[in-house]
Amino acid sequence: METRRLELLLELSRLGSMREVADELGVTTSTVSQQIAALARETGAALVEPDGRRVRLTPAGRRLADHAVTILAAVDAARLDLDPGSEPSGTVRVAGFATAIRRSLMPVLAELAASHPDVRLLIREHEPFEAYEMLARDDVELALTYDYDLAPAAFDRTLVATPLWAAPWSLGVPAGSAVGGDARAVFREFAGHDWVVNSRNTADEDVARTLASLAGFEPSVTHRVDSLDLVRELIRAGLGVGLLPADQPPGDGLELLPLRDPDVSLRAYAVTRRGRADWPPLALVLDRLTTIRLRSMG
């Protein structure tokens, strides 16, 4: 099989349109169609089927596209091994949560712009479950995700997760509500309050319910919002309490109560599909993310 045909099939799996593949790679739509047809003859399997005015990959086509990622990555790696002076190039698509994009990815963007201008990053802000779905569909090559130590994520065996950093979380309450003691005692003081949790992910709600259970009550979850800034505003307005990062200034009208015994930490990860991390542009980005992690630890 020609690697060029595999590349066209892989792009078709990502873009879903022969016209978009042609535009992306600078060829004609007819060329894309002919090359995909030739690849189907080589494999002896139907790779695409009509889908309205577009086409979609058959199950065999999707399996071959999965193999194409590994094959093309291996070819790139071999070229780099034979020509150490060659530079990685390509577009790495990333789905991640906002804090990791700011804290981990933005420094990588600035560094790559100077050192590897042929490596581009396309960034999408998503919660972990959305990012995992995008990885499974090959819509992205890299996911920046998180869990909490009190609500650990169960990673699928098809994924590889690299720890990036951990950050302590606290309980955000209106100013003047100072409470001491362990996490159970802190939570118990707010058993009668409304609670604010994330609208797009259940992890922080799971943590809140776990600690509330340890403190002997069930929290009244009233507000569900995605923006941490909005969580802060709701707490300042006296509309509830909720979990917030301990390493970010709370601002006026808000107080952060430390959670100890048990502590609460958010843990960030760089996640790829197994076997994909050797693709040179992705390997470069992962290396830079790891370097930033080591710098922060030092």
Protein backbone atom coordinates (compact mmCIF):
# COMPACT_ATOMS: atom_id res chain seq x y z
CA MET A 1 0.00 0.00 0.00
CA GLU A 2 1.25 3.46 -0.86
CA THR A 3 1.58 5.73 2.13
CA ARG A 4 0.15 8.62 0.11
CA ARG A 5 -3.12 6.71 -0.31
CA LEU A 6 -3.18 5.94 3.41
CA GLU A 7 -2.68 9.63 4.12
CA LEU A 8 -5.66 10.50 1.93
CA LEU A 9 -7.81 7.90 3.69
CA LEU A 10 -6.76 9.21 7.08
CA GLU A 11 -7.60 12.78 6.11
CA LEU A 12 -10.97 11.58 4.79
CA SER A 13 -11.67 9.94 8.17
CA ARG A 14 -10.94 13.25 9.87
CA LEU A 15 -12.63 15.68 7.47
CA GLY A 16 -15.50 13.55 6.12
CA SER A 17 -15.45 15.08 2.63
CA MET A 18 -13.29 14.37 -0.42
CA ARG A 19 -13.55 18.03 -1.39
CA GLU A 20 -12.21 19.10 2.03
CA VAL A 21 -9.39 16.55 1.74
CA ALA A 22 -8.51 17.91 -1.69
CA ASP A 23 -8.49 21.50 -0.38
CA GLU A 24 -6.42 20.51 2.66
CA LEU A 25 -3.76 18.65 0.64
CA GLY A 26 -3.76 20.80 -2.49
CA VAL A 27 -5.00 18.17 -4.96
CA THR A 28 -8.18 17.70 -6.98
CA THR A 29 -11.27 15.94 -5.68
CA SER A 30 -10.93 13.51 -8.60
CA THR A 31 -7.42 12.58 -7.46
CA VAL A 32 -8.66 11.85 -3.94
CA SER A 33 -11.47 9.67 -5.28
CA GLN A 34 -9.18 7.75 -7.63
CA GLN A 35 -6.56 7.11 -4.97
CA ILE A 36 -9.12 5.90 -2.42
CA ALA A 37 -10.57 3.60 -5.09
CA ALA A 38 -7.07 2.25 -5.85
CA LEU A 39 -6.50 1.63 -2.15
CA ALA A 40 -9.78 -0.27 -1.96
CA ARG A 41 -8.65 -2.49 -4.85
CA GLU A 42 -5.32 -3.11 -3.10
CA THR A 43 -6.99 -4.16 0.12
CA GLY A 44 -9.89 -6.00 -1.46
CA ALA A 45 -12.36 -4.20 0.78
CA ALA A 46 -14.91 -1.42 0.34
CA LEU A 47 -13.49 1.57 2.23
CA VAL A 48 -16.16 4.24 1.67
CA GLU A 49 -19.90 4.33 1.13
CA PRO A 50 -22.37 7.09 0.13
CA ASP A 51 -23.76 9.31 2.88
CA GLY A 52 -26.11 11.77 1.21
CA ARG A 53 -23.95 14.06 -0.94
CA ARG A 54 -20.86 13.05 1.00
CA VAL A 55 -19.17 9.75 1.76
CA ARG A 56 -18.30 8.03 4.98
CA LEU A 57 -15.85 5.29 5.84
CA THR A 58 -17.12 1.74 6.08
CA PRO A 59 -16.14 -0.31 9.15
CA ALA A 60 -13.23 -1.68 7.10
CA GLY A 61 -12.28 1.86 6.10
CA ARG A 62 -12.27 3.02 9.72
CA ARG A 63 -10.08 0.08 10.75
CA LEU A 64 -7.62 0.83 7.96
CA ALA A 65 -7.61 4.53 8.92
CA ASP A 66 -6.71 3.48 12.49
CA HIS A 67 -3.81 1.43 11.11
CA ALA A 68 -2.83 4.35 8.88
CA VAL A 69 -2.08 6.55 11.90
CA THR A 70 0.42 4.01 13.24
CA ILE A 71 1.88 3.25 9.80
CA LEU A 72 2.39 6.89 8.85
CA ALA A 73 3.84 7.67 12.28
CA ALA A 74 6.30 4.80 11.87
CA VAL A 75 7.31 6.08 8.44
CA ASP A 76 7.87 9.57 9.86
CA ALA A 77 9.90 8.11 12.73
CA ALA A 78 12.04 6.12 10.29
CA ARG A 79 12.70 9.23 8.23
CA LEU A 80 13.73 11.13 11.34
CA ASP A 81 15.99 8.27 12.40
CA LEU A 82 17.71 8.28 9.02
CA ASP A 83 17.80 12.07 8.81
CA PRO A 84 18.27 13.46 12.33
CA GLY A 85 18.47 16.97 10.91
CA SER A 86 14.90 16.95 9.61
CA GLU A 87 12.31 18.93 11.54
CA PRO A 88 8.86 17.74 12.73
CA SER A 89 6.03 19.36 10.83
CA GLY A 90 2.27 19.06 10.92
CA THR A 91 -0.85 20.11 12.78
CA VAL A 92 -1.59 18.74 16.25
CA ARG A 93 -5.23 19.09 17.26
CA VAL A 94 -5.80 19.48 20.99
CA ALA A 95 -8.95 19.31 23.12
CA GLY A 96 -8.50 20.39 26.71
CA PHE A 97 -9.94 22.11 29.74
CA ALA A 98 -9.32 25.82 30.09
CA THR A 99 -6.87 25.77 33.00
CA ALA A 100 -4.57 23.24 31.31
CA ILE A 101 -4.67 25.22 28.07
CA ARG A 102 -3.59 28.36 29.93
CA ARG A 103 -1.11 26.72 32.30
CA SER A 104 0.48 24.03 30.11
CA LEU A 105 -0.32 24.60 26.45
CA MET A 106 0.11 28.35 26.06
CA PRO A 107 3.83 28.19 27.03
CA VAL A 108 4.26 25.37 24.50
CA LEU A 109 2.62 27.49 21.80
CA ALA A 110 5.04 30.34 22.41
CA GLU A 111 8.05 28.03 22.42
CA LEU A 112 7.07 26.14 19.25
CA ALA A 113 6.42 29.39 17.37
CA ALA A 114 10.09 30.21 17.88
CA SER A 115 11.71 26.77 17.63
CA HIS A 116 9.44 24.70 15.33
CA PRO A 117 7.26 27.01 13.19
CA ASP A 118 6.17 24.07 10.99
CA VAL A 119 4.34 22.47 13.93
CA ARG A 120 0.90 24.02 14.43
CA LEU A 121 -1.54 23.58 17.30
CA LEU A 122 -5.30 23.76 16.85
CA ILE A 123 -6.96 24.21 20.25
CA ARG A 124 -10.50 23.41 21.36
CA GLU A 125 -11.79 23.92 24.90
CA HIS A 126 -13.63 20.82 26.15
CA GLU A 127 -14.35 18.90 29.34
CA PRO A 128 -12.65 15.49 29.72
CA PHE A 129 -15.55 13.29 28.58
CA GLU A 130 -15.87 15.36 25.41
CA ALA A 131 -12.11 15.21 24.80
CA TYR A 132 -12.09 11.41 25.20
CA GLU A 133 -14.88 11.10 22.62
CA MET A 134 -12.91 13.30 20.22
CA LEU A 135 -9.82 11.13 20.68
CA ALA A 136 -11.88 8.02 19.90
CA ARG A 137 -13.20 9.63 16.70
CA ASP A 138 -9.71 10.83 15.68
CA ASP A 139 -10.97 14.41 15.82
CA VAL A 140 -7.93 15.33 17.94
CA GLU A 141 -4.50 13.84 18.60
CA LEU A 142 -4.12 15.10 22.17
CA ALA A 143 -6.50 15.59 25.09
CA LEU A 144 -5.73 17.62 28.20
CA THR A 145 -7.98 16.18 30.91
CA TYR A 146 -8.35 16.12 34.67
CA ASP A 147 -9.71 14.17 37.58
CA TYR A 148 -9.64 14.57 41.37
CA ASP A 149 -7.81 12.36 43.82
CA LEU A 150 -11.18 11.74 45.51
CA ALA A 151 -12.84 10.96 42.15
CA PRO A 152 -10.14 9.23 40.06
CA ALA A 153 -10.72 8.67 36.35
CA ALA A 154 -10.67 5.15 34.92
CA PHE A 155 -8.57 5.35 31.75
CA ASP A 156 -9.48 3.08 28.85
CA ARG A 157 -6.74 0.60 27.90
CA THR A 158 -6.61 2.19 24.43
CA LEU A 159 -5.37 5.45 25.97
CA VAL A 160 -2.05 6.55 27.44
CA ALA A 161 -2.20 9.25 30.15
CA THR A 162 0.85 11.28 31.14
CA PRO A 163 0.50 13.17 34.47
CA LEU A 164 1.20 16.90 34.07
CA TRP A 165 0.54 18.60 37.40
CA ALA A 166 -1.69 18.63 40.47
CA ALA A 167 -3.30 21.60 42.21
CA PRO A 168 -5.05 21.84 45.59
CA TRP A 169 -8.73 22.74 45.73
CA SER A 170 -10.67 24.39 48.51
CA LEU A 171 -14.21 25.27 49.47
CA GLY A 172 -15.32 28.68 48.25
CA VAL A 173 -17.66 30.48 50.65
CA PRO A 174 -18.82 34.09 51.18
CA ALA A 175 -16.26 36.26 52.98
CA GLY A 176 -16.45 36.18 56.77
CA SER A 177 -17.30 32.49 56.97
CA ALA A 178 -13.96 31.32 58.41
CA VAL A 179 -14.18 27.74 59.65
CA GLY A 180 -11.38 25.54 60.91
CA GLY A 181 -10.85 21.82 61.18
CA ASP A 182 -10.56 18.96 58.75
CA ALA A 183 -12.50 18.70 55.48
CA ARG A 184 -15.41 16.95 57.19
CA ALA A 185 -15.75 19.74 59.76
CA VAL A 186 -15.54 22.41 57.06
CA PHE A 187 -18.23 20.73 54.98
CA ARG A 188 -20.45 20.13 58.00
CA GLU A 189 -20.61 23.87 58.65
CA PHE A 190 -22.27 24.36 55.25
CA ALA A 191 -24.66 21.40 55.30
CA GLY A 192 -27.65 23.72 55.10
CA HIS A 193 -26.35 25.80 52.18
CA ASP A 194 -27.07 25.46 48.47
CA TRP A 195 -24.16 24.10 46.42
CA VAL A 196 -22.72 25.10 43.04
CA VAL A 197 -21.22 22.42 40.75
CA ASN A 198 -19.98 22.08 37.16
CA SER A 199 -22.64 21.82 34.47
CA ARG A 200 -20.48 19.88 31.99
CA ASN A 201 -18.64 17.41 34.19
CA THR A 202 -19.61 15.45 37.31
CA ALA A 203 -16.14 15.12 38.88
CA ASP A 204 -16.37 18.05 41.30
CA GLU A 205 -19.94 17.07 42.24
CA ASP A 206 -18.66 13.56 43.00
CA VAL A 207 -16.01 15.07 45.29
CA ALA A 208 -18.56 17.34 47.00
CA ARG A 209 -20.96 14.45 47.56
CA THR A 210 -18.15 12.22 48.87
CA LEU A 211 -16.99 14.77 51.44
CA ALA A 212 -20.56 15.68 52.37
CA SER A 213 -21.30 12.00 52.96
CA LEU A 214 -18.26 11.75 55.22
CA ALA A 215 -19.60 14.79 57.07
CA GLY A 216 -23.01 13.14 57.45
CA PHE A 217 -25.24 15.01 55.00
CA GLU A 218 -26.35 15.16 51.37
CA PRO A 219 -25.58 18.47 49.64
CA SER A 220 -28.39 20.43 48.05
CA VAL A 221 -27.01 20.94 44.54
CA THR A 222 -28.91 23.94 43.24
CA HIS A 223 -26.73 25.65 40.62
CA ARG A 224 -24.81 24.04 37.75
CA VAL A 225 -22.43 26.30 35.81
CA ASP A 226 -19.31 25.78 33.73
CA SER A 227 -17.37 28.99 34.31
CA LEU A 228 -15.25 29.23 37.46
CA ASP A 229 -15.70 33.01 37.34
CA LEU A 230 -19.46 32.53 37.46
CA VAL A 231 -19.09 30.06 40.36
CA ARG A 232 -17.23 32.79 42.25
CA GLU A 233 -19.93 35.36 41.45
CA LEU A 234 -22.70 33.07 42.70
CA ILE A 235 -20.82 32.44 45.94
CA ARG A 236 -20.15 36.16 46.45
CA ALA A 237 -23.87 36.80 45.97
CA GLY A 238 -24.64 34.35 48.76
CA LEU A 239 -26.36 31.88 46.43
CA GLY A 240 -24.31 28.87 47.49
CA VAL A 241 -20.88 27.39 48.16
CA GLY A 242 -18.66 25.28 45.91
CA LEU A 243 -15.22 23.87 45.17
CA LEU A 244 -12.62 26.28 43.75
CA PRO A 245 -8.88 26.19 43.00
CA ALA A 246 -6.87 27.01 46.12
CA ASP A 247 -3.97 28.49 44.13
CA GLN A 248 -6.00 31.29 42.50
CA PRO A 249 -6.84 34.58 44.29
CA PRO A 250 -10.48 34.52 45.43
CA GLY A 251 -11.08 38.26 45.08
CA ASP A 252 -13.23 40.49 47.28
CA GLY A 253 -16.29 39.02 48.94
CA LEU A 254 -15.04 35.43 48.74
CA GLU A 255 -13.06 33.21 51.06
CA LEU A 256 -11.30 29.93 50.31
CA LEU A 257 -11.38 27.38 53.12
CA PRO A 258 -8.56 24.80 53.02
CA LEU A 259 -9.62 21.16 52.79
CA ARG A 260 -7.40 18.83 54.80
CA ASP A 261 -7.65 15.20 55.88
CA PRO A 262 -8.69 14.36 53.28
CA ASP A 263 -7.08 16.85 50.94
CA VAL A 264 -8.64 17.58 47.56
CA SER A 265 -6.39 17.85 44.49
CA LEU A 266 -7.19 18.29 40.82
CA ARG A 267 -4.80 16.26 38.62
CA ALA A 268 -4.11 17.18 34.99
CA TYR A 269 -3.09 14.72 32.26
CA ALA A 270 -1.95 14.70 28.64
CA VAL A 271 -3.82 11.82 26.98
CA THR A 272 -3.21 10.17 23.60
CA ARG A 273 -4.42 7.05 21.89
CA ARG A 274 -2.06 4.13 22.42
CA GLY A 275 0.53 3.86 19.67
CA ARG A 276 0.06 7.43 18.43
CA ALA A 277 2.59 9.32 20.57
CA ASP A 278 5.54 8.55 18.26
CA TRP A 279 4.15 10.78 15.51
CA PRO A 280 6.88 13.48 15.45
CA PRO A 281 4.77 16.64 15.89
CA LEU A 282 2.77 15.03 18.70
CA ALA A 283 5.92 13.63 20.31
CA LEU A 284 7.41 17.11 20.25
CA VAL A 285 4.36 18.66 21.95
CA LEU A 286 4.32 15.92 24.61
CA ASP A 287 8.02 16.47 25.24
CA ARG A 288 7.45 20.19 25.73
CA LEU A 289 4.51 19.58 28.07
CA THR A 290 6.65 17.22 30.15
CA THR A 291 9.50 19.74 30.23
CA ILE A 292 7.14 22.43 31.54
CA ARG A 293 5.94 19.98 34.21
CA LEU A 294 9.51 19.27 35.32
CA ARG A 295 10.31 22.99 35.43
CA SER A 296 7.33 23.61 37.69
CA MET A 297 8.42 20.77 39.97
CA GLY A 298 11.97 22.18 40.16
